[in-house]
Amino acid sequence: MKRLTRILLRRADRRGEDPPPPQSSPATSAVLSTARYDKLPLNEVLGHLHELRPADLAALGAHERAHQNRAALLAHIDALLHNEPWPGYDALDVDGVRFGLDGAERDRFLTVLVYEQAHRNRAGVVLAAQQKPT
């Protein structure tokens, strides 16, 4: 999480927030980084995800799931970690993915859209994933 802290705190500091206090232990560092991270707008966090190592992405995903649970952020983290939207997804053709989206919640549509755009980018899947239920 140290790299995550540096990247995300750099943005917070540019906005004129107080600099972080001296850190005495890894536990303090983790608390500081998540406290500051939780205040950052979604678009700022999304803009830096590609800079993070897989271990940092996984830690960020675990923190996000336990706290704010923002579907868009989790979808991007999972796509960067190559986590399929559901088991066996990568083996499906376009019709199979469409079938998997039948009756799904909005979050699944978002997860499929982000994952598909990051990996195979099949037009039929992207179009189906953009047809989110209201």
Protein backbone atom coordinates (compact mmCIF):
# COMPACT_ATOMS: atom_id res chain seq x y z
CA MET A 1 0.00 0.00 0.00
CA LYS A 2 2.99 2.35 0.25
CA ARG A 3 3.02 3.05 -3.48
CA LEU A 4 -0.74 3.50 -3.45
CA THR A 5 -0.38 5.95 -0.60
CA ARG A 6 2.24 8.00 -2.46
CA ILE A 7 0.26 8.13 -5.69
CA LEU A 8 -3.07 8.99 -4.17
CA LEU A 9 -1.76 11.34 -1.51
CA ARG A 10 0.13 13.31 -4.15
CA ARG A 11 -3.23 14.23 -5.65
CA ALA A 12 -4.70 15.14 -2.27
CA ASP A 13 -1.71 17.34 -1.46
CA ARG A 14 -2.06 19.21 -4.78
CA ARG A 15 -5.56 20.16 -3.74
CA GLY A 16 -4.15 22.02 -0.72
CA GLU A 17 -4.89 19.50 2.00
CA ASP A 18 -2.63 19.21 5.01
CA PRO A 19 0.47 17.06 4.49
CA PRO A 20 0.39 13.68 6.17
CA PRO A 21 1.84 13.51 9.68
CA PRO A 22 5.08 11.58 10.23
CA GLN A 23 4.42 7.87 10.07
CA SER A 24 5.67 5.72 12.89
CA SER A 25 4.62 2.27 11.78
CA PRO A 26 3.15 0.31 8.85
CA ALA A 27 -0.16 0.18 10.72
CA THR A 28 -0.24 3.99 10.91
CA SER A 29 0.61 4.16 7.21
CA ALA A 30 -2.26 1.86 6.29
CA VAL A 31 -4.76 3.84 8.37
CA LEU A 32 -3.56 7.14 6.90
CA SER A 33 -3.65 5.90 3.36
CA THR A 34 -7.18 4.52 3.63
CA ALA A 35 -8.44 7.59 5.48
CA ARG A 36 -7.13 9.89 2.74
CA TYR A 37 -8.09 7.47 -0.03
CA ASP A 38 -11.70 7.35 1.14
CA LYS A 39 -11.95 11.12 0.63
CA LEU A 40 -10.66 11.14 -2.96
CA PRO A 41 -13.18 11.44 -5.80
CA LEU A 42 -13.74 8.31 -7.84
CA ASN A 43 -12.29 9.79 -11.04
CA GLU A 44 -8.98 10.56 -9.32
CA VAL A 45 -8.64 7.03 -8.00
CA LEU A 46 -9.58 5.54 -11.38
CA GLY A 47 -6.97 7.71 -13.07
CA HIS A 48 -4.16 6.09 -11.09
CA LEU A 49 -5.18 2.44 -10.96
CA HIS A 50 -2.98 1.50 -13.91
CA GLU A 51 0.08 2.68 -11.95
CA LEU A 52 -0.45 0.18 -9.13
CA ARG A 53 1.11 -3.23 -8.71
CA PRO A 54 -1.24 -6.24 -8.53
CA ALA A 55 -0.71 -6.59 -4.78
CA ASP A 56 -1.70 -2.94 -4.27
CA LEU A 57 -4.72 -3.37 -6.54
CA ALA A 58 -5.83 -6.40 -4.56
CA ALA A 59 -5.41 -4.53 -1.26
CA LEU A 60 -7.33 -1.56 -2.62
CA GLY A 61 -10.11 -3.87 -3.84
CA ALA A 62 -10.39 -5.53 -0.43
CA HIS A 63 -10.57 -2.14 1.27
CA GLU A 64 -13.15 -0.85 -1.21
CA ARG A 65 -15.35 -3.95 -0.80
CA ALA A 66 -15.27 -3.55 2.99
CA HIS A 67 -16.07 0.15 2.95
CA GLN A 68 -17.59 2.15 0.08
CA ASN A 69 -18.12 -0.79 -2.30
CA ARG A 70 -18.27 1.42 -5.42
CA ALA A 71 -19.14 -0.81 -8.38
CA ALA A 72 -17.24 1.26 -10.96
CA LEU A 73 -14.00 1.17 -8.99
CA LEU A 74 -14.30 -2.54 -8.24
CA ALA A 75 -15.00 -3.29 -11.89
CA HIS A 76 -11.81 -1.50 -12.95
CA ILE A 77 -9.72 -3.17 -10.26
CA ASP A 78 -11.03 -6.60 -11.22
CA ALA A 79 -10.38 -5.95 -14.91
CA LEU A 80 -6.79 -4.90 -14.19
CA LEU A 81 -6.32 -8.05 -12.10
CA HIS A 82 -7.80 -10.14 -14.95
CA ASN A 83 -10.65 -11.36 -12.72
CA GLU A 84 -13.41 -12.65 -14.97
CA PRO A 85 -16.90 -11.19 -14.37
CA TRP A 86 -17.99 -14.76 -13.54
CA PRO A 87 -16.28 -18.15 -13.72
CA GLY A 88 -15.95 -19.34 -17.31
CA TYR A 89 -16.59 -15.91 -18.81
CA ASP A 90 -13.48 -15.92 -21.01
CA ALA A 91 -14.60 -19.14 -22.72
CA LEU A 92 -17.99 -17.69 -23.73
CA ASP A 93 -18.88 -16.35 -27.14
CA VAL A 94 -20.96 -13.18 -27.55
CA ASP A 95 -24.27 -15.04 -27.22
CA GLY A 96 -23.04 -16.75 -24.05
CA VAL A 97 -22.18 -13.42 -22.46
CA ARG A 98 -25.54 -11.97 -23.49
CA PHE A 99 -27.26 -14.96 -21.89
CA GLY A 100 -25.23 -14.35 -18.72
CA LEU A 101 -26.47 -10.77 -18.64
CA ASP A 102 -30.16 -11.72 -18.91
CA GLY A 103 -31.85 -10.53 -15.76
CA ALA A 104 -28.59 -9.36 -14.19
CA GLU A 105 -28.24 -6.38 -11.87
CA ARG A 106 -26.69 -3.10 -13.07
CA ASP A 107 -23.37 -3.87 -11.38
CA ARG A 108 -22.87 -6.98 -13.51
CA PHE A 109 -23.41 -4.97 -16.71
CA LEU A 110 -20.77 -2.49 -15.57
CA THR A 111 -18.35 -5.26 -14.61
CA VAL A 112 -18.75 -6.93 -18.02
CA LEU A 113 -18.37 -3.63 -19.88
CA VAL A 114 -15.14 -2.65 -18.11
CA TYR A 115 -13.67 -6.15 -18.30
CA GLU A 116 -14.56 -6.59 -21.97
CA GLN A 117 -13.15 -3.22 -22.97
CA ALA A 118 -9.90 -4.05 -21.16
CA HIS A 119 -9.51 -7.50 -22.70
CA ARG A 120 -11.22 -8.75 -25.86
CA ASN A 121 -13.34 -5.67 -26.69
CA ARG A 122 -15.91 -7.62 -28.71
CA ALA A 123 -18.41 -5.19 -30.19
CA GLY A 124 -21.41 -7.44 -29.50
CA VAL A 125 -20.50 -7.84 -25.84
CA VAL A 126 -19.75 -4.15 -25.37
CA LEU A 127 -23.10 -3.25 -26.94
CA ALA A 128 -24.95 -5.75 -24.74
CA ALA A 129 -23.18 -4.50 -21.62
CA GLN A 130 -24.12 -0.92 -22.43
CA GLN A 131 -27.80 -1.88 -22.32
CA LYS A 132 -27.99 -1.66 -18.52
CA PRO A 133 -31.36 -2.13 -16.85
CA THR A 134 -32.87 1.02 -15.36
